Amino acid sequence: MNSLTFTALAEPTRLRIVELLREEPRSVNQIATLLNIRQPQASKHLHTLNKAGLVSVKPVAQQRLYSLNPEPFLRLEDWVNSFDRYWNQRLDNLEELLKKD
């Protein structure tokens, strides 16, 4: 798991941008308007997300559309799911303990 992913997603505005991009690709101006922030702020956050590999940018006419890259999110999902065995074992132990009482 890449620590850049966590660092990028830890900032609330960047997380909100990811949630917007989950719906559809958007331009920096659309993102800035929807989040009620200035365009330079949105651009800075998108740069960080791009550097972390979470978004990609595609030129369309005069705009640059940002969209999510699925790969880092799939890796994040795999990482989170890797804890299932740990928690399932803990819950199984708790269940056995409760049965004894």
N, C-alpha and C. Protein backbone atom coordinates (compact mmCIF):
# COMPACT_ATOMS: atom_id res chain seq x y z
N MET A 1 0.84 -1.17 0.00
CA MET A 1 0.00 0.00 0.00
C MET A 1 0.88 1.23 0.00
N ASN A 2 0.60 2.14 -0.87
CA ASN A 2 1.39 3.36 -1.03
C ASN A 2 0.95 4.42 -0.01
N SER A 3 1.90 4.95 0.75
CA SER A 3 1.54 5.95 1.76
C SER A 3 1.05 7.25 1.12
N LEU A 4 1.42 7.52 -0.14
CA LEU A 4 0.91 8.71 -0.82
C LEU A 4 -0.60 8.67 -0.95
N THR A 5 -1.14 7.48 -1.09
CA THR A 5 -2.60 7.33 -1.18
C THR A 5 -3.26 7.84 0.08
N PHE A 6 -2.76 7.39 1.23
CA PHE A 6 -3.34 7.81 2.50
C PHE A 6 -3.13 9.30 2.75
N THR A 7 -1.95 9.79 2.43
CA THR A 7 -1.65 11.20 2.62
C THR A 7 -2.58 12.07 1.77
N ALA A 8 -2.78 11.67 0.52
CA ALA A 8 -3.64 12.45 -0.37
C ALA A 8 -5.08 12.43 0.10
N LEU A 9 -5.56 11.27 0.54
CA LEU A 9 -6.96 11.14 0.94
C LEU A 9 -7.24 11.69 2.34
N ALA A 10 -6.19 11.93 3.11
CA ALA A 10 -6.38 12.41 4.49
C ALA A 10 -6.89 13.85 4.55
N GLU A 11 -6.65 14.60 3.50
CA GLU A 11 -7.06 16.00 3.49
C GLU A 11 -8.53 16.07 3.06
N PRO A 12 -9.40 16.70 3.86
CA PRO A 12 -10.84 16.68 3.59
C PRO A 12 -11.27 17.19 2.22
N THR A 13 -10.64 18.24 1.73
CA THR A 13 -11.04 18.76 0.42
C THR A 13 -10.69 17.77 -0.68
N ARG A 14 -9.53 17.14 -0.58
CA ARG A 14 -9.15 16.15 -1.59
C ARG A 14 -10.08 14.95 -1.55
N LEU A 15 -10.49 14.56 -0.36
CA LEU A 15 -11.44 13.45 -0.25
C LEU A 15 -12.78 13.83 -0.89
N ARG A 16 -13.19 15.06 -0.71
CA ARG A 16 -14.44 15.52 -1.34
C ARG A 16 -14.29 15.55 -2.86
N ILE A 17 -13.12 15.90 -3.36
CA ILE A 17 -12.88 15.88 -4.80
C ILE A 17 -12.99 14.45 -5.32
N VAL A 18 -12.42 13.51 -4.62
CA VAL A 18 -12.51 12.10 -5.02
C VAL A 18 -13.97 11.67 -5.06
N GLU A 19 -14.74 12.08 -4.07
CA GLU A 19 -16.16 11.72 -4.06
C GLU A 19 -16.91 12.33 -5.24
N LEU A 20 -16.55 13.56 -5.63
CA LEU A 20 -17.16 14.17 -6.81
C LEU A 20 -16.78 13.41 -8.08
N LEU A 21 -15.50 13.04 -8.17
CA LEU A 21 -15.03 12.34 -9.36
C LEU A 21 -15.56 10.91 -9.44
N ARG A 22 -16.01 10.39 -8.32
CA ARG A 22 -16.63 9.06 -8.32
C ARG A 22 -17.89 9.08 -9.15
N GLU A 23 -18.57 10.23 -9.18
CA GLU A 23 -19.80 10.37 -9.95
C GLU A 23 -19.54 10.46 -11.44
N GLU A 24 -18.54 11.30 -11.82
CA GLU A 24 -18.21 11.50 -13.24
C GLU A 24 -16.95 12.34 -13.35
N PRO A 25 -16.27 12.27 -14.51
CA PRO A 25 -15.11 13.16 -14.72
C PRO A 25 -15.56 14.62 -14.69
N ARG A 26 -14.68 15.47 -14.20
CA ARG A 26 -15.02 16.89 -14.07
C ARG A 26 -13.80 17.76 -14.36
N SER A 27 -14.08 18.98 -14.77
CA SER A 27 -13.02 19.96 -14.97
C SER A 27 -12.68 20.61 -13.63
N VAL A 28 -11.53 21.26 -13.60
CA VAL A 28 -11.11 21.95 -12.38
C VAL A 28 -12.12 23.04 -12.02
N ASN A 29 -12.66 23.72 -13.01
CA ASN A 29 -13.65 24.77 -12.73
C ASN A 29 -14.93 24.19 -12.14
N GLN A 30 -15.38 23.05 -12.66
CA GLN A 30 -16.57 22.41 -12.09
C GLN A 30 -16.32 22.03 -10.63
N ILE A 31 -15.16 21.47 -10.37
CA ILE A 31 -14.81 21.05 -9.01
C ILE A 31 -14.77 22.26 -8.08
N ALA A 32 -14.11 23.31 -8.53
CA ALA A 32 -14.01 24.53 -7.70
C ALA A 32 -15.39 25.09 -7.40
N THR A 33 -16.25 25.12 -8.39
CA THR A 33 -17.61 25.64 -8.19
C THR A 33 -18.40 24.78 -7.21
N LEU A 34 -18.35 23.47 -7.41
CA LEU A 34 -19.13 22.56 -6.55
C LEU A 34 -18.65 22.58 -5.10
N LEU A 35 -17.37 22.79 -4.91
CA LEU A 35 -16.81 22.80 -3.55
C LEU A 35 -16.69 24.20 -2.96
N ASN A 36 -17.07 25.19 -3.76
CA ASN A 36 -17.02 26.58 -3.31
C ASN A 36 -15.61 26.98 -2.87
N ILE A 37 -14.63 26.60 -3.71
CA ILE A 37 -13.24 26.99 -3.47
C ILE A 37 -12.74 27.69 -4.74
N ARG A 38 -11.61 28.35 -4.62
CA ARG A 38 -11.03 29.03 -5.78
C ARG A 38 -10.37 28.01 -6.71
N GLN A 39 -10.31 28.35 -7.98
CA GLN A 39 -9.73 27.46 -8.99
C GLN A 39 -8.28 27.08 -8.66
N PRO A 40 -7.43 28.02 -8.22
CA PRO A 40 -6.05 27.62 -7.88
C PRO A 40 -5.99 26.59 -6.75
N GLN A 41 -6.91 26.70 -5.78
CA GLN A 41 -6.95 25.71 -4.70
C GLN A 41 -7.32 24.33 -5.26
N ALA A 42 -8.34 24.31 -6.10
CA ALA A 42 -8.76 23.05 -6.71
C ALA A 42 -7.62 22.44 -7.53
N SER A 43 -6.93 23.27 -8.29
CA SER A 43 -5.81 22.80 -9.11
C SER A 43 -4.70 22.20 -8.24
N LYS A 44 -4.43 22.85 -7.12
CA LYS A 44 -3.38 22.35 -6.22
C LYS A 44 -3.77 20.98 -5.66
N HIS A 45 -5.02 20.83 -5.25
CA HIS A 45 -5.48 19.54 -4.73
C HIS A 45 -5.46 18.47 -5.81
N LEU A 46 -5.88 18.83 -7.02
CA LEU A 46 -5.86 17.87 -8.13
C LEU A 46 -4.44 17.46 -8.48
N HIS A 47 -3.51 18.38 -8.37
CA HIS A 47 -2.10 18.05 -8.61
C HIS A 47 -1.62 17.00 -7.61
N THR A 48 -1.97 17.19 -6.35
CA THR A 48 -1.59 16.23 -5.31
C THR A 48 -2.22 14.86 -5.57
N LEU A 49 -3.49 14.85 -5.93
CA LEU A 49 -4.17 13.59 -6.23
C LEU A 49 -3.56 12.91 -7.45
N ASN A 50 -3.17 13.70 -8.43
CA ASN A 50 -2.54 13.17 -9.63
C ASN A 50 -1.18 12.57 -9.29
N LYS A 51 -0.41 13.29 -8.48
CA LYS A 51 0.92 12.83 -8.07
C LYS A 51 0.83 11.50 -7.31
N ALA A 52 -0.24 11.34 -6.55
CA ALA A 52 -0.46 10.10 -5.79
C ALA A 52 -1.01 8.99 -6.69
N GLY A 53 -1.34 9.32 -7.93
CA GLY A 53 -1.85 8.31 -8.86
C GLY A 53 -3.33 8.05 -8.73
N LEU A 54 -4.03 8.87 -7.96
CA LEU A 54 -5.45 8.64 -7.73
C LEU A 54 -6.34 9.18 -8.84
N VAL A 55 -5.85 10.19 -9.55
CA VAL A 55 -6.63 10.77 -10.66
C VAL A 55 -5.74 10.86 -11.89
N SER A 56 -6.40 10.93 -13.02
CA SER A 56 -5.71 11.21 -14.28
C SER A 56 -6.41 12.38 -14.94
N VAL A 57 -5.70 13.01 -15.86
CA VAL A 57 -6.25 14.18 -16.53
C VAL A 57 -6.21 13.92 -18.03
N LYS A 58 -7.27 14.36 -18.69
CA LYS A 58 -7.40 14.16 -20.13
C LYS A 58 -7.85 15.47 -20.76
N PRO A 59 -7.07 15.98 -21.73
CA PRO A 59 -7.49 17.20 -22.40
C PRO A 59 -8.68 16.93 -23.33
N VAL A 60 -9.72 17.75 -23.19
CA VAL A 60 -10.90 17.67 -24.05
C VAL A 60 -11.21 19.10 -24.48
N ALA A 61 -10.97 19.37 -25.76
CA ALA A 61 -11.13 20.73 -26.29
C ALA A 61 -10.29 21.69 -25.46
N GLN A 62 -10.91 22.70 -24.88
CA GLN A 62 -10.18 23.69 -24.09
C GLN A 62 -10.08 23.32 -22.61
N GLN A 63 -10.69 22.22 -22.23
CA GLN A 63 -10.71 21.83 -20.82
C GLN A 63 -9.79 20.65 -20.56
N ARG A 64 -9.51 20.46 -19.30
CA ARG A 64 -8.81 19.26 -18.83
C ARG A 64 -9.77 18.57 -17.88
N LEU A 65 -10.17 17.35 -18.23
CA LEU A 65 -11.10 16.60 -17.39
C LEU A 65 -10.33 15.64 -16.50
N TYR A 66 -10.69 15.66 -15.23
CA TYR A 66 -10.07 14.78 -14.25
C TYR A 66 -11.01 13.61 -13.97
N SER A 67 -10.42 12.43 -13.85
CA SER A 67 -11.20 11.24 -13.52
C SER A 67 -10.38 10.37 -12.57
N LEU A 68 -11.07 9.46 -11.90
CA LEU A 68 -10.39 8.58 -10.95
C LEU A 68 -9.67 7.46 -11.69
N ASN A 69 -8.52 7.10 -11.16
CA ASN A 69 -7.81 5.90 -11.60
C ASN A 69 -8.26 4.76 -10.70
N PRO A 70 -8.80 3.69 -11.23
CA PRO A 70 -9.31 2.63 -10.37
C PRO A 70 -8.24 1.83 -9.62
N GLU A 71 -7.05 1.70 -10.18
CA GLU A 71 -6.04 0.82 -9.60
C GLU A 71 -5.69 1.12 -8.15
N PRO A 72 -5.42 2.38 -7.79
CA PRO A 72 -5.08 2.63 -6.38
C PRO A 72 -6.23 2.31 -5.43
N PHE A 73 -7.45 2.49 -5.89
CA PHE A 73 -8.60 2.19 -5.03
C PHE A 73 -8.80 0.69 -4.88
N LEU A 74 -8.47 -0.06 -5.92
CA LEU A 74 -8.52 -1.52 -5.82
C LEU A 74 -7.45 -2.03 -4.85
N ARG A 75 -6.26 -1.42 -4.91
CA ARG A 75 -5.20 -1.79 -3.95
C ARG A 75 -5.62 -1.43 -2.52
N LEU A 76 -6.26 -0.28 -2.37
CA LEU A 76 -6.74 0.13 -1.05
C LEU A 76 -7.79 -0.85 -0.53
N GLU A 77 -8.69 -1.26 -1.41
CA GLU A 77 -9.71 -2.25 -1.02
C GLU A 77 -9.06 -3.56 -0.61
N ASP A 78 -8.06 -4.02 -1.37
CA ASP A 78 -7.35 -5.26 -1.02
C ASP A 78 -6.68 -5.13 0.34
N TRP A 79 -6.06 -3.98 0.59
CA TRP A 79 -5.38 -3.76 1.85
C TRP A 79 -6.37 -3.81 3.02
N VAL A 80 -7.49 -3.12 2.87
CA VAL A 80 -8.51 -3.11 3.93
C VAL A 80 -9.05 -4.52 4.15
N ASN A 81 -9.31 -5.23 3.06
CA ASN A 81 -9.84 -6.60 3.16
C ASN A 81 -8.84 -7.56 3.79
N SER A 82 -7.55 -7.22 3.76
CA SER A 82 -6.55 -8.10 4.35
C SER A 82 -6.71 -8.20 5.87
N PHE A 83 -7.47 -7.30 6.46
CA PHE A 83 -7.70 -7.33 7.89
C PHE A 83 -8.89 -8.21 8.27
N ASP A 84 -9.63 -8.69 7.28
CA ASP A 84 -10.79 -9.54 7.55
C ASP A 84 -10.43 -10.75 8.40
N ARG A 85 -9.36 -11.43 8.03
CA ARG A 85 -8.97 -12.64 8.76
C ARG A 85 -8.69 -12.32 10.22
N TYR A 86 -8.00 -11.20 10.46
CA TYR A 86 -7.69 -10.79 11.81
C TYR A 86 -8.97 -10.57 12.62
N TRP A 87 -9.91 -9.78 12.06
CA TRP A 87 -11.12 -9.46 12.79
C TRP A 87 -12.04 -10.68 12.90
N ASN A 88 -12.08 -11.50 11.89
CA ASN A 88 -12.90 -12.71 11.97
C ASN A 88 -12.40 -13.63 13.06
N GLN A 89 -11.09 -13.75 13.19
CA GLN A 89 -10.52 -14.59 14.26
C GLN A 89 -10.86 -14.00 15.63
N ARG A 90 -10.76 -12.71 15.78
CA ARG A 90 -11.11 -12.06 17.05
C ARG A 90 -12.59 -12.29 17.39
N LEU A 91 -13.44 -12.13 16.40
CA LEU A 91 -14.88 -12.33 16.64
C LEU A 91 -15.20 -13.79 16.95
N ASP A 92 -14.50 -14.71 16.28
CA ASP A 92 -14.69 -16.13 16.59
C ASP A 92 -14.26 -16.43 18.02
N ASN A 93 -13.15 -15.83 18.46
CA ASN A 93 -12.69 -16.03 19.85
C ASN A 93 -13.71 -15.47 20.84
N LEU A 94 -14.28 -14.30 20.52
CA LEU A 94 -15.28 -13.70 21.38
C LEU A 94 -16.52 -14.59 21.45
N GLU A 95 -16.93 -15.11 20.31
CA GLU A 95 -18.10 -15.99 20.27
C GLU A 95 -17.89 -17.22 21.14
N GLU A 96 -16.69 -17.81 21.05
CA GLU A 96 -16.39 -18.99 21.88
C GLU A 96 -16.39 -18.63 23.36
N LEU A 97 -15.87 -17.49 23.68
CA LEU A 97 -15.85 -17.03 25.08
C LEU A 97 -17.27 -16.82 25.59
N LEU A 98 -18.12 -16.23 24.79
CA LEU A 98 -19.50 -15.98 25.19
C LEU A 98 -20.29 -17.27 25.35
N LYS A 99 -19.98 -18.25 24.55
CA LYS A 99 -20.66 -19.55 24.65
C LYS A 99 -20.32 -20.27 25.96
N LYS A 100 -19.12 -20.02 26.48
CA LYS A 100 -18.68 -20.68 27.71
C LYS A 100 -19.43 -20.16 28.92
N ASP A 101 -19.93 -18.95 28.85
CA ASP A 101 -20.61 -18.37 30.03
C ASP A 101 -22.02 -18.76 30.13
